[in-house]
Amino acid sequence: MAINKEHLEFHALDMAGGWHVPAGYPPGIEQKILSGRLDEEAASGHRTRLLRFLPGAFTTTPFTHEYWEEVYLIAGDLIVGAAPGEETFAANTYACRPPGVAHGPFRSQGGCLLLEVHYYD
């Protein structure tokens, strides 16, 4: 199956506007869709997004989804898991998760910015 993506040349991103809280996320965690569309009900599509945690933002339970997820931590700190086994990650770290893998919960002390790519096989 081919993934069809629109052709986008380099362009400036409005980093101040266009952010919103994704469904199922608490306030303080916001996304900005860069390209594509992911349809979880039809298990199809793809999307590339920025996800940001404002300082102190957190989730309380792990996530599991049926699409591939690649995550690159651009800036800030991301704390993954719960004490006593939590791990703290800094900029220039990466994760690639296959469908069905539980991950999280997540929090950030100082805030962070992630680049995420989601897609179905």
PDB file of N, CA and C in Angstrom:
ATOM      1  N   MET A   1       0.841  -1.176   0.000  1.00  0.00           N
ATOM      2  CA  MET A   1       0.000   0.000   0.000  1.00  0.00           C
ATOM      3  C   MET A   1       0.888   1.242   0.000  1.00  0.00           C
ATOM      4  N   ALA A   2       0.666   2.138  -0.888  1.00  0.00           N
ATOM      5  CA  ALA A   2       1.429   3.381  -0.960  1.00  0.00           C
ATOM      6  C   ALA A   2       0.824   4.427  -0.034  1.00  0.00           C
ATOM      7  N   ILE A   3       1.685   5.213   0.559  1.00  0.00           N
ATOM      8  CA  ILE A   3       1.226   6.336   1.374  1.00  0.00           C
ATOM      9  C   ILE A   3       1.288   7.577   0.508  1.00  0.00           C
ATOM     10  N   ASN A   4       0.143   8.158   0.227  1.00  0.00           N
ATOM     11  CA  ASN A   4       0.087   9.374  -0.573  1.00  0.00           C
ATOM     12  C   ASN A   4       0.196  10.583   0.345  1.00  0.00           C
ATOM     13  N   LYS A   5       1.163  11.428   0.050  1.00  0.00           N
ATOM     14  CA  LYS A   5       1.361  12.650   0.829  1.00  0.00           C
ATOM     15  C   LYS A   5       1.347  13.827  -0.132  1.00  0.00           C
ATOM     16  N   GLU A   6       0.885  14.965   0.377  1.00  0.00           N
ATOM     17  CA  GLU A   6       0.903  16.161  -0.454  1.00  0.00           C
ATOM     18  C   GLU A   6       2.329  16.690  -0.593  1.00  0.00           C
ATOM     19  N   HIS A   7       2.570  17.384  -1.674  1.00  0.00           N
ATOM     20  CA  HIS A   7       3.870  17.999  -1.930  1.00  0.00           C
ATOM     21  C   HIS A   7       3.899  19.342  -1.218  1.00  0.00           C
ATOM     22  N   LEU A   8       4.831  19.487  -0.298  1.00  0.00           N
ATOM     23  CA  LEU A   8       5.004  20.739   0.438  1.00  0.00           C
ATOM     24  C   LEU A   8       6.465  21.157   0.346  1.00  0.00           C
ATOM     25  N   GLU A   9       6.706  22.328  -0.188  1.00  0.00           N
ATOM     26  CA  GLU A   9       8.066  22.867  -0.207  1.00  0.00           C
ATOM     27  C   GLU A   9       8.353  23.541   1.129  1.00  0.00           C
ATOM     28  N   PHE A  10       9.605  23.904   1.355  1.00  0.00           N
ATOM     29  CA  PHE A  10       9.958  24.616   2.576  1.00  0.00           C
ATOM     30  C   PHE A  10       9.077  25.846   2.729  1.00  0.00           C
ATOM     31  N   HIS A  11       8.558  26.028   3.917  1.00  0.00           N
ATOM     32  CA  HIS A  11       7.749  27.197   4.233  1.00  0.00           C
ATOM     33  C   HIS A  11       7.840  27.446   5.732  1.00  0.00           C
ATOM     34  N   ALA A  12       7.662  28.677   6.129  1.00  0.00           N
ATOM     35  CA  ALA A  12       7.733  29.036   7.545  1.00  0.00           C
ATOM     36  C   ALA A  12       6.505  28.500   8.268  1.00  0.00           C
ATOM     37  N   LEU A  13       6.721  27.961   9.452  1.00  0.00           N
ATOM     38  CA  LEU A  13       5.622  27.496  10.289  1.00  0.00           C
ATOM     39  C   LEU A  13       5.253  28.595  11.285  1.00  0.00           C
ATOM     40  N   ASP A  14       3.976  28.759  11.500  1.00  0.00           N
ATOM     41  CA  ASP A  14       3.492  29.672  12.531  1.00  0.00           C
ATOM     42  C   ASP A  14       3.559  28.922  13.849  1.00  0.00           C
ATOM     43  N   MET A  15       4.591  29.161  14.630  1.00  0.00           N
ATOM     44  CA  MET A  15       4.763  28.430  15.882  1.00  0.00           C
ATOM     45  C   MET A  15       3.909  29.007  17.006  1.00  0.00           C
ATOM     46  N   ALA A  16       3.248  30.135  16.779  1.00  0.00           N
ATOM     47  CA  ALA A  16       2.392  30.732  17.805  1.00  0.00           C
ATOM     48  C   ALA A  16       0.946  30.265  17.685  1.00  0.00           C
ATOM     49  N   GLY A  17       0.468  30.023  16.467  1.00  0.00           N
ATOM     50  CA  GLY A  17      -0.936  29.679  16.272  1.00  0.00           C
ATOM     51  C   GLY A  17      -1.125  28.290  15.709  1.00  0.00           C
ATOM     52  N   GLY A  18      -2.390  27.845  15.702  1.00  0.00           N
ATOM     53  CA  GLY A  18      -2.743  26.581  15.092  1.00  0.00           C
ATOM     54  C   GLY A  18      -2.558  25.367  15.985  1.00  0.00           C
ATOM     55  N   TRP A  19      -2.316  25.566  17.263  1.00  0.00           N
ATOM     56  CA  TRP A  19      -2.144  24.472  18.209  1.00  0.00           C
ATOM     57  C   TRP A  19      -3.487  24.145  18.843  1.00  0.00           C
ATOM     58  N   HIS A  20      -3.715  22.861  19.135  1.00  0.00           N
ATOM     59  CA  HIS A  20      -4.911  22.467  19.884  1.00  0.00           C
ATOM     60  C   HIS A  20      -4.629  21.179  20.662  1.00  0.00           C
ATOM     61  N   VAL A  21      -5.403  20.978  21.716  1.00  0.00           N
ATOM     62  CA  VAL A  21      -5.258  19.782  22.545  1.00  0.00           C
ATOM     63  C   VAL A  21      -5.856  18.600  21.793  1.00  0.00           C
ATOM     64  N   PRO A  22      -5.078  17.536  21.542  1.00  0.00           N
ATOM     65  CA  PRO A  22      -5.628  16.366  20.847  1.00  0.00           C
ATOM     66  C   PRO A  22      -6.675  15.659  21.714  1.00  0.00           C
ATOM     67  N   ALA A  23      -7.611  14.978  21.080  1.00  0.00           N
ATOM     68  CA  ALA A  23      -8.619  14.204  21.802  1.00  0.00           C
ATOM     69  C   ALA A  23      -7.934  13.204  22.729  1.00  0.00           C
ATOM     70  N   GLY A  24      -8.407  13.145  23.960  1.00  0.00           N
ATOM     71  CA  GLY A  24      -7.858  12.195  24.925  1.00  0.00           C
ATOM     72  C   GLY A  24      -6.644  12.685  25.687  1.00  0.00           C
ATOM     73  N   TYR A  25      -6.170  13.886  25.395  1.00  0.00           N
ATOM     74  CA  TYR A  25      -5.011  14.447  26.087  1.00  0.00           C
ATOM     75  C   TYR A  25      -5.464  15.508  27.076  1.00  0.00           C
ATOM     76  N   PRO A  26      -4.710  15.712  28.148  1.00  0.00           N
ATOM     77  CA  PRO A  26      -5.054  16.763  29.099  1.00  0.00           C
ATOM     78  C   PRO A  26      -4.601  18.141  28.602  1.00  0.00           C
ATOM     79  N   PRO A  27      -5.149  19.210  29.174  1.00  0.00           N
ATOM     80  CA  PRO A  27      -4.662  20.556  28.841  1.00  0.00           C
ATOM     81  C   PRO A  27      -3.160  20.644  29.126  1.00  0.00           C
ATOM     82  N   GLY A  28      -2.475  21.463  28.336  1.00  0.00           N
ATOM     83  CA  GLY A  28      -1.032  21.618  28.494  1.00  0.00           C
ATOM     84  C   GLY A  28      -0.231  20.777  27.514  1.00  0.00           C
ATOM     85  N   ILE A  29      -0.935  19.896  26.788  1.00  0.00           N
ATOM     86  CA  ILE A  29      -0.298  19.115  25.723  1.00  0.00           C
ATOM     87  C   ILE A  29      -1.046  19.461  24.448  1.00  0.00           C
ATOM     88  N   GLU A  30      -0.321  19.984  23.453  1.00  0.00           N
ATOM     89  CA  GLU A  30      -0.954  20.510  22.239  1.00  0.00           C
ATOM     90  C   GLU A  30      -0.264  19.982  20.996  1.00  0.00           C
ATOM     91  N   GLN A  31      -1.047  19.848  19.920  1.00  0.00           N
ATOM     92  CA  GLN A  31      -0.496  19.399  18.647  1.00  0.00           C
ATOM     93  C   GLN A  31      -0.707  20.444  17.566  1.00  0.00           C
ATOM     94  N   LYS A  32       0.145  20.368  16.571  1.00  0.00           N
ATOM     95  CA  LYS A  32       0.037  21.161  15.355  1.00  0.00           C
ATOM     96  C   LYS A  32       0.269  20.181  14.213  1.00  0.00           C
ATOM     97  N   ILE A  33      -0.753  19.933  13.394  1.00  0.00           N
ATOM     98  CA  ILE A  33      -0.632  18.994  12.280  1.00  0.00           C
ATOM     99  C   ILE A  33       0.152  19.665  11.155  1.00  0.00           C
ATOM    100  N   LEU A  34       1.200  18.995  10.694  1.00  0.00           N
ATOM    101  CA  LEU A  34       2.012  19.521   9.603  1.00  0.00           C
ATOM    102  C   LEU A  34       1.555  18.983   8.253  1.00  0.00           C
ATOM    103  N   SER A  35       1.182  17.692   8.208  1.00  0.00           N
ATOM    104  CA  SER A  35       0.700  17.117   6.953  1.00  0.00           C
ATOM    105  C   SER A  35      -0.068  15.835   7.239  1.00  0.00           C
ATOM    106  N   GLY A  36      -0.885  15.457   6.267  1.00  0.00           N
ATOM    107  CA  GLY A  36      -1.584  14.195   6.308  1.00  0.00           C
ATOM    108  C   GLY A  36      -2.839  14.192   7.154  1.00  0.00           C
ATOM    109  N   ARG A  37      -3.421  13.013   7.214  1.00  0.00           N
ATOM    110  CA  ARG A  37      -4.634  12.778   7.999  1.00  0.00           C
ATOM    111  C   ARG A  37      -4.627  11.319   8.418  1.00  0.00           C
ATOM    112  N   LEU A  38      -4.849  11.083   9.706  1.00  0.00           N
ATOM    113  CA  LEU A  38      -4.898   9.732  10.246  1.00  0.00           C
ATOM    114  C   LEU A  38      -6.339   9.427  10.622  1.00  0.00           C
ATOM    115  N   ASP A  39      -6.889   8.355  10.074  1.00  0.00           N
ATOM    116  CA  ASP A  39      -8.260   7.938  10.360  1.00  0.00           C
ATOM    117  C   ASP A  39      -8.187   6.656  11.186  1.00  0.00           C
ATOM    118  N   GLU A  40      -8.291   6.791  12.508  1.00  0.00           N
ATOM    119  CA  GLU A  40      -8.151   5.626  13.383  1.00  0.00           C
ATOM    120  C   GLU A  40      -9.315   4.662  13.251  1.00  0.00           C
ATOM    121  N   GLU A  41     -10.512   5.154  12.965  1.00  0.00           N
ATOM    122  CA  GLU A  41     -11.673   4.268  12.804  1.00  0.00           C
ATOM    123  C   GLU A  41     -11.516   3.368  11.578  1.00  0.00           C
ATOM    124  N   ALA A  42     -10.994   3.913  10.481  1.00  0.00           N
ATOM    125  CA  ALA A  42     -10.791   3.138   9.257  1.00  0.00           C
ATOM    126  C   ALA A  42      -9.407   2.486   9.201  1.00  0.00           C
ATOM    127  N   ALA A  43      -8.576   2.740  10.223  1.00  0.00           N
ATOM    128  CA  ALA A  43      -7.198   2.226  10.272  1.00  0.00           C
ATOM    129  C   ALA A  43      -6.455   2.539   8.980  1.00  0.00           C
ATOM    130  N   SER A  44      -6.482   3.828   8.605  1.00  0.00           N
ATOM    131  CA  SER A  44      -5.804   4.245   7.378  1.00  0.00           C
ATOM    132  C   SER A  44      -5.235   5.645   7.540  1.00  0.00           C
ATOM    133  N   GLY A  45      -4.314   5.949   6.658  1.00  0.00           N
ATOM    134  CA  GLY A  45      -3.759   7.290   6.601  1.00  0.00           C
ATOM    135  C   GLY A  45      -2.428   7.425   7.315  1.00  0.00           C
ATOM    136  N   HIS A  46      -2.030   8.670   7.452  1.00  0.00           N
ATOM    137  CA  HIS A  46      -0.752   9.048   8.036  1.00  0.00           C
ATOM    138  C   HIS A  46      -0.862  10.485   8.500  1.00  0.00           C
ATOM    139  N   ARG A  47       0.021  10.878   9.391  1.00  0.00           N
ATOM    140  CA  ARG A  47       0.112  12.291   9.750  1.00  0.00           C
ATOM    141  C   ARG A  47       1.487  12.568  10.301  1.00  0.00           C
ATOM    142  N   THR A  48       1.907  13.786  10.094  1.00  0.00           N
ATOM    143  CA  THR A  48       3.125  14.307  10.703  1.00  0.00           C
ATOM    144  C   THR A  48       2.687  15.485  11.551  1.00  0.00           C
ATOM    145  N   ARG A  49       3.119  15.497  12.802  1.00  0.00           N
ATOM    146  CA  ARG A  49       2.690  16.573  13.690  1.00  0.00           C
ATOM    147  C   ARG A  49       3.805  16.984  14.624  1.00  0.00           C
ATOM    148  N   LEU A  50       3.652  18.188  15.147  1.00  0.00           N
ATOM    149  CA  LEU A  50       4.437  18.633  16.279  1.00  0.00           C
ATOM    150  C   LEU A  50       3.565  18.438  17.507  1.00  0.00           C
ATOM    151  N   LEU A  51       4.141  17.957  18.576  1.00  0.00           N
ATOM    152  CA  LEU A  51       3.434  17.814  19.839  1.00  0.00           C
ATOM    153  C   LEU A  51       4.272  18.526  20.882  1.00  0.00           C
ATOM    154  N   ARG A  52       3.632  19.406  21.647  1.00  0.00           N
ATOM    155  CA  ARG A  52       4.388  20.106  22.683  1.00  0.00           C
ATOM    156  C   ARG A  52       3.726  19.909  24.044  1.00  0.00           C
ATOM    157  N   PHE A  53       4.590  19.765  25.027  1.00  0.00           N
ATOM    158  CA  PHE A  53       4.183  19.728  26.428  1.00  0.00           C
ATOM    159  C   PHE A  53       4.578  21.071  27.019  1.00  0.00           C
ATOM    160  N   LEU A  54       3.639  21.770  27.600  1.00  0.00           N
ATOM    161  CA  LEU A  54       3.967  22.982  28.330  1.00  0.00           C
ATOM    162  C   LEU A  54       4.623  22.565  29.645  1.00  0.00           C
ATOM    163  N   PRO A  55       5.415  23.428  30.273  1.00  0.00           N
ATOM    164  CA  PRO A  55       6.072  23.045  31.518  1.00  0.00           C
ATOM    165  C   PRO A  55       5.071  22.500  32.542  1.00  0.00           C
ATOM    166  N   GLY A  56       5.404  21.336  33.097  1.00  0.00           N
ATOM    167  CA  GLY A  56       4.563  20.709  34.101  1.00  0.00           C
ATOM    168  C   GLY A  56       3.450  19.830  33.554  1.00  0.00           C
ATOM    169  N   ALA A  57       3.236  19.804  32.248  1.00  0.00           N
ATOM    170  CA  ALA A  57       2.163  18.998  31.650  1.00  0.00           C
ATOM    171  C   ALA A  57       2.473  17.512  31.813  1.00  0.00           C
ATOM    172  N   PHE A  58       1.400  16.711  31.930  1.00  0.00           N
ATOM    173  CA  PHE A  58       1.596  15.280  32.118  1.00  0.00           C
ATOM    174  C   PHE A  58       0.357  14.491  31.705  1.00  0.00           C
ATOM    175  N   THR A  59       0.584  13.218  31.411  1.00  0.00           N
ATOM    176  CA  THR A  59      -0.494  12.254  31.214  1.00  0.00           C
ATOM    177  C   THR A  59      -0.449  11.308  32.407  1.00  0.00           C
ATOM    178  N   THR A  60      -1.542  10.585  32.632  1.00  0.00           N
ATOM    179  CA  THR A  60      -1.599   9.729  33.821  1.00  0.00           C
ATOM    180  C   THR A  60      -1.617   8.239  33.511  1.00  0.00           C
ATOM    181  N   THR A  61      -1.912   7.868  32.273  1.00  0.00           N
ATOM    182  CA  THR A  61      -1.976   6.453  31.913  1.00  0.00           C
ATOM    183  C   THR A  61      -1.200   6.212  30.617  1.00  0.00           C
ATOM    184  N   PRO A  62      -0.744   4.991  30.416  1.00  0.00           N
ATOM    185  CA  PRO A  62      -0.061   4.666  29.162  1.00  0.00           C
ATOM    186  C   PRO A  62      -1.016   4.745  27.961  1.00  0.00           C
ATOM    187  N   PHE A  63      -0.440   4.960  26.789  1.00  0.00           N
ATOM    188  CA  PHE A  63      -1.165   4.982  25.518  1.00  0.00           C
ATOM    189  C   PHE A  63      -0.900   3.677  24.772  1.00  0.00           C
ATOM    190  N   THR A  64      -1.889   3.207  24.032  1.00  0.00           N
ATOM    191  CA  THR A  64      -1.732   2.099  23.090  1.00  0.00           C
ATOM    192  C   THR A  64      -2.552   2.455  21.863  1.00  0.00           C
ATOM    193  N   HIS A  65      -1.990   2.281  20.678  1.00  0.00           N
ATOM    194  CA  HIS A  65      -2.732   2.568  19.446  1.00  0.00           C
ATOM    195  C   HIS A  65      -2.329   1.572  18.377  1.00  0.00           C
ATOM    196  N   GLU A  66      -3.106   1.526  17.323  1.00  0.00           N
ATOM    197  CA  GLU A  66      -2.922   0.502  16.283  1.00  0.00           C
ATOM    198  C   GLU A  66      -2.190   1.021  15.048  1.00  0.00           C
ATOM    199  N   TYR A  67      -1.410   2.070  15.171  1.00  0.00           N
ATOM    200  CA  TYR A  67      -0.602   2.596  14.073  1.00  0.00           C
ATOM    201  C   TYR A  67       0.850   2.702  14.522  1.00  0.00           C
ATOM    202  N   TRP A  68       1.733   2.753  13.553  1.00  0.00           N
ATOM    203  CA  TRP A  68       3.153   2.985  13.817  1.00  0.00           C
ATOM    204  C   TRP A  68       3.342   4.413  14.293  1.00  0.00           C
ATOM    205  N   GLU A  69       4.338   4.605  15.156  1.00  0.00           N
ATOM    206  CA  GLU A  69       4.639   5.942  15.659  1.00  0.00           C
ATOM    207  C   GLU A  69       6.149   6.115  15.743  1.00  0.00           C
ATOM    208  N   GLU A  70       6.628   7.178  15.116  1.00  0.00           N
ATOM    209  CA  GLU A  70       8.031   7.559  15.243  1.00  0.00           C
ATOM    210  C   GLU A  70       8.061   8.927  15.906  1.00  0.00           C
ATOM    211  N   VAL A  71       8.910   9.070  16.924  1.00  0.00           N
ATOM    212  CA  VAL A  71       8.943  10.292  17.730  1.00  0.00           C
ATOM    213  C   VAL A  71      10.387  10.770  17.866  1.00  0.00           C
ATOM    214  N   TYR A  72      10.607  12.040  17.555  1.00  0.00           N
ATOM    215  CA  TYR A  72      11.915  12.667  17.722  1.00  0.00           C
ATOM    216  C   TYR A  72      11.753  13.830  18.689  1.00  0.00           C
ATOM    217  N   LEU A  73      12.503  13.818  19.787  1.00  0.00           N
ATOM    218  CA  LEU A  73      12.462  14.888  20.781  1.00  0.00           C
ATOM    219  C   LEU A  73      13.378  16.019  20.316  1.00  0.00           C
ATOM    220  N   ILE A  74      12.758  17.108  19.861  1.00  0.00           N
ATOM    221  CA  ILE A  74      13.499  18.241  19.304  1.00  0.00           C
ATOM    222  C   ILE A  74      14.150  19.072  20.403  1.00  0.00           C
ATOM    223  N   ALA A  75      13.382  19.392  21.441  1.00  0.00           N
ATOM    224  CA  ALA A  75      13.876  20.282  22.496  1.00  0.00           C
ATOM    225  C   ALA A  75      13.171  19.960  23.803  1.00  0.00           C
ATOM    226  N   GLY A  76      13.837  20.262  24.918  1.00  0.00           N
ATOM    227  CA  GLY A  76      13.241  20.123  26.234  1.00  0.00           C
ATOM    228  C   GLY A  76      13.494  18.769  26.867  1.00  0.00           C
ATOM    229  N   ASP A  77      12.686  18.464  27.893  1.00  0.00           N
ATOM    230  CA  ASP A  77      12.811  17.210  28.623  1.00  0.00           C
ATOM    231  C   ASP A  77      11.504  16.436  28.544  1.00  0.00           C
ATOM    232  N   LEU A  78      11.606  15.115  28.440  1.00  0.00           N
ATOM    233  CA  LEU A  78      10.441  14.246  28.440  1.00  0.00           C
ATOM    234  C   LEU A  78      10.715  13.111  29.410  1.00  0.00           C
ATOM    235  N   ILE A  79       9.823  12.950  30.379  1.00  0.00           N
ATOM    236  CA  ILE A  79       9.948  11.898  31.377  1.00  0.00           C
ATOM    237  C   ILE A  79       8.929  10.820  31.020  1.00  0.00           C
ATOM    238  N   VAL A  80       9.413   9.591  30.841  1.00  0.00           N
ATOM    239  CA  VAL A  80       8.579   8.486  30.377  1.00  0.00           C
ATOM    240  C   VAL A  80       8.461   7.452  31.486  1.00  0.00           C
ATOM    241  N   GLY A  81       7.225   7.002  31.744  1.00  0.00           N
ATOM    242  CA  GLY A  81       6.980   5.998  32.764  1.00  0.00           C
ATOM    243  C   GLY A  81       6.649   6.635  34.100  1.00  0.00           C
ATOM    244  N   ALA A  82       6.451   5.791  35.079  1.00  0.00           N
ATOM    245  CA  ALA A  82       6.117   6.239  36.429  1.00  0.00           C
ATOM    246  C   ALA A  82       7.203   5.783  37.390  1.00  0.00           C
ATOM    247  N   ALA A  83       7.355   6.520  38.481  1.00  0.00           N
ATOM    248  CA  ALA A  83       8.342   6.160  39.493  1.00  0.00           C
ATOM    249  C   ALA A  83       8.004   4.786  40.052  1.00  0.00           C
ATOM    250  N   PRO A  84       8.951   3.938  40.358  1.00  0.00           N
ATOM    251  CA  PRO A  84      10.380   4.219  40.399  1.00  0.00           C
ATOM    252  C   PRO A  84      11.114   3.946  39.093  1.00  0.00           C
ATOM    253  N   GLY A  85      10.428   3.496  38.030  1.00  0.00           N
ATOM    254  CA  GLY A  85      11.125   3.117  36.810  1.00  0.00           C
ATOM    255  C   GLY A  85      11.123   4.157  35.716  1.00  0.00           C
ATOM    256  N   GLU A  86      10.784   5.414  36.022  1.00  0.00           N
ATOM    257  CA  GLU A  86      10.719   6.442  34.973  1.00  0.00           C
ATOM    258  C   GLU A  86      12.104   6.762  34.425  1.00  0.00           C
ATOM    259  N   GLU A  87      12.121   7.226  33.174  1.00  0.00           N
ATOM    260  CA  GLU A  87      13.368   7.641  32.524  1.00  0.00           C
ATOM    261  C   GLU A  87      13.192   9.037  31.965  1.00  0.00           C
ATOM    262  N   THR A  88      14.235   9.851  32.060  1.00  0.00           N
ATOM    263  CA  THR A  88      14.212  11.215  31.531  1.00  0.00           C
ATOM    264  C   THR A  88      15.039  11.266  30.254  1.00  0.00           C
ATOM    265  N   PHE A  89      14.452  11.886  29.220  1.00  0.00           N
ATOM    266  CA  PHE A  89      15.120  12.004  27.929  1.00  0.00           C
ATOM    267  C   PHE A  89      15.273  13.473  27.579  1.00  0.00           C
ATOM    268  N   ALA A  90      16.328  13.784  26.841  1.00  0.00           N
ATOM    269  CA  ALA A  90      16.620  15.148  26.410  1.00  0.00           C
ATOM    270  C   ALA A  90      16.563  15.222  24.893  1.00  0.00           C
ATOM    271  N   ALA A  91      16.773  16.411  24.365  1.00  0.00           N
ATOM    272  CA  ALA A  91      16.754  16.636  22.916  1.00  0.00           C
ATOM    273  C   ALA A  91      17.659  15.646  22.192  1.00  0.00           C
ATOM    274  N   ASN A  92      17.285  15.375  20.937  1.00  0.00           N
ATOM    275  CA  ASN A  92      18.023  14.475  20.055  1.00  0.00           C
ATOM    276  C   ASN A  92      17.926  13.021  20.488  1.00  0.00           C
ATOM    277  N   THR A  93      16.757  12.649  21.005  1.00  0.00           N
ATOM    278  CA  THR A  93      16.465  11.245  21.265  1.00  0.00           C
ATOM    279  C   THR A  93      15.264  10.852  20.414  1.00  0.00           C
ATOM    280  N   TYR A  94      15.133   9.547  20.143  1.00  0.00           N
ATOM    281  CA  TYR A  94      14.188   9.049  19.149  1.00  0.00           C
ATOM    282  C   TYR A  94      13.570   7.747  19.621  1.00  0.00           C
ATOM    283  N   ALA A  95      12.304   7.532  19.246  1.00  0.00           N
ATOM    284  CA  ALA A  95      11.619   6.260  19.500  1.00  0.00           C
ATOM    285  C   ALA A  95      10.850   5.857  18.252  1.00  0.00           C
ATOM    286  N   CYS A  96      10.755   4.551  18.009  1.00  0.00           N
ATOM    287  CA  CYS A  96       9.928   4.000  16.930  1.00  0.00           C
ATOM    288  C   CYS A  96       9.118   2.868  17.539  1.00  0.00           C
ATOM    289  N   ARG A  97       7.790   3.031  17.530  1.00  0.00           N
ATOM    290  CA  ARG A  97       6.911   2.069  18.194  1.00  0.00           C
ATOM    291  C   ARG A  97       5.988   1.394  17.193  1.00  0.00           C
ATOM    292  N   PRO A  98       5.970   0.059  17.188  1.00  0.00           N
ATOM    293  CA  PRO A  98       5.005  -0.649  16.341  1.00  0.00           C
ATOM    294  C   PRO A  98       3.603  -0.581  16.953  1.00  0.00           C
ATOM    295  N   PRO A  99       2.584  -0.926  16.182  1.00  0.00           N
ATOM    296  CA  PRO A  99       1.220  -0.935  16.698  1.00  0.00           C
ATOM    297  C   PRO A  99       1.088  -1.855  17.916  1.00  0.00           C
ATOM    298  N   GLY A 100       0.243  -1.427  18.862  1.00  0.00           N
ATOM    299  CA  GLY A 100      -0.078  -2.248  20.015  1.00  0.00           C
ATOM    300  C   GLY A 100       0.865  -2.165  21.199  1.00  0.00           C
ATOM    301  N   VAL A 101       1.925  -1.362  21.122  1.00  0.00           N
ATOM    302  CA  VAL A 101       2.889  -1.245  22.210  1.00  0.00           C
ATOM    303  C   VAL A 101       2.439  -0.153  23.184  1.00  0.00           C
ATOM    304  N   ALA A 102       2.299  -0.521  24.453  1.00  0.00           N
ATOM    305  CA  ALA A 102       1.944   0.473  25.478  1.00  0.00           C
ATOM    306  C   ALA A 102       3.144   1.373  25.743  1.00  0.00           C
ATOM    307  N   HIS A 103       2.904   2.660  25.901  1.00  0.00           N
ATOM    308  CA  HIS A 103       3.972   3.618  26.192  1.00  0.00           C
ATOM    309  C   HIS A 103       3.422   4.765  27.034  1.00  0.00           C
ATOM    310  N   GLY A 104       4.259   5.258  27.929  1.00  0.00           N
ATOM    311  CA  GLY A 104       3.845   6.317  28.844  1.00  0.00           C
ATOM    312  C   GLY A 104       3.665   5.751  30.238  1.00  0.00           C
ATOM    313  N   PRO A 105       3.098   6.541  31.143  1.00  0.00           N
ATOM    314  CA  PRO A 105       2.675   7.927  30.979  1.00  0.00           C
ATOM    315  C   PRO A 105       3.865   8.853  30.748  1.00  0.00           C
ATOM    316  N   PHE A 106       3.545  10.101  30.382  1.00  0.00           N
ATOM    317  CA  PHE A 106       4.559  11.091  30.022  1.00  0.00           C
ATOM    318  C   PHE A 106       4.384  12.357  30.856  1.00  0.00           C
ATOM    319  N   ARG A 107       5.509  13.029  31.085  1.00  0.00           N
ATOM    320  CA  ARG A 107       5.451  14.360  31.688  1.00  0.00           C
ATOM    321  C   ARG A 107       6.703  15.128  31.294  1.00  0.00           C
ATOM    322  N   SER A 108       6.635  16.427  31.489  1.00  0.00           N
ATOM    323  CA  SER A 108       7.784  17.280  31.196  1.00  0.00           C
ATOM    324  C   SER A 108       7.876  18.352  32.265  1.00  0.00           C
ATOM    325  N   GLN A 109       9.050  18.498  32.857  1.00  0.00           N
ATOM    326  CA  GLN A 109       9.233  19.535  33.875  1.00  0.00           C
ATOM    327  C   GLN A 109       9.335  20.911  33.234  1.00  0.00           C
ATOM    328  N   GLY A 110      10.186  21.043  32.235  1.00  0.00           N
ATOM    329  CA  GLY A 110      10.424  22.350  31.633  1.00  0.00           C
ATOM    330  C   GLY A 110       9.712  22.577  30.318  1.00  0.00           C
ATOM    331  N   GLY A 111       8.965  21.567  29.839  1.00  0.00           N
ATOM    332  CA  GLY A 111       8.320  21.643  28.536  1.00  0.00           C
ATOM    333  C   GLY A 111       9.176  20.956  27.490  1.00  0.00           C
ATOM    334  N   CYS A 112       8.544  20.546  26.402  1.00  0.00           N
ATOM    335  CA  CYS A 112       9.300  19.915  25.321  1.00  0.00           C
ATOM    336  C   CYS A 112       8.548  20.033  24.005  1.00  0.00           C
ATOM    337  N   LEU A 113       9.266  19.792  22.918  1.00  0.00           N
ATOM    338  CA  LEU A 113       8.713  19.812  21.575  1.00  0.00           C
ATOM    339  C   LEU A 113       9.128  18.522  20.874  1.00  0.00           C
ATOM    340  N   LEU A 114       8.121  17.799  20.361  1.00  0.00           N
ATOM    341  CA  LEU A 114       8.339  16.521  19.676  1.00  0.00           C
ATOM    342  C   LEU A 114       7.884  16.617  18.234  1.00  0.00           C
ATOM    343  N   LEU A 115       8.587  15.917  17.357  1.00  0.00           N
ATOM    344  CA  LEU A 115       8.149  15.712  15.975  1.00  0.00           C
ATOM    345  C   LEU A 115       7.685  14.261  15.897  1.00  0.00           C
ATOM    346  N   GLU A 116       6.424  14.042  15.479  1.00  0.00           N
ATOM    347  CA  GLU A 116       5.873  12.696  15.429  1.00  0.00           C
ATOM    348  C   GLU A 116       5.356  12.371  14.026  1.00  0.00           C
ATOM    349  N   VAL A 117       5.580  11.123  13.609  1.00  0.00           N
ATOM    350  CA  VAL A 117       5.060  10.604  12.356  1.00  0.00           C
ATOM    351  C   VAL A 117       4.246   9.363  12.712  1.00  0.00           C
ATOM    352  N   HIS A 118       2.974   9.350  12.305  1.00  0.00           N
ATOM    353  CA  HIS A 118       2.056   8.236  12.572  1.00  0.00           C
ATOM    354  C   HIS A 118       1.566   7.667  11.248  1.00  0.00           C
ATOM    355  N   TYR A 119       1.500   6.333  11.133  1.00  0.00           N
ATOM    356  CA  TYR A 119       1.040   5.728   9.888  1.00  0.00           C
ATOM    357  C   TYR A 119       0.614   4.282  10.120  1.00  0.00           C
ATOM    358  N   TYR A 120      -0.236   3.801   9.244  1.00  0.00           N
ATOM    359  CA  TYR A 120      -0.653   2.409   9.238  1.00  0.00           C
ATOM    360  C   TYR A 120       0.178   1.669   8.218  1.00  0.00           C
ATOM    361  N   ASP A 121       0.401   0.356   8.453  1.00  0.00           N
ATOM    362  CA  ASP A 121       1.149  -0.483   7.530  1.00  0.00           C
ATOM    363  C   ASP A 121       0.473  -0.559   6.191  1.00  0.00           C
TER     364      ASP A 121
END
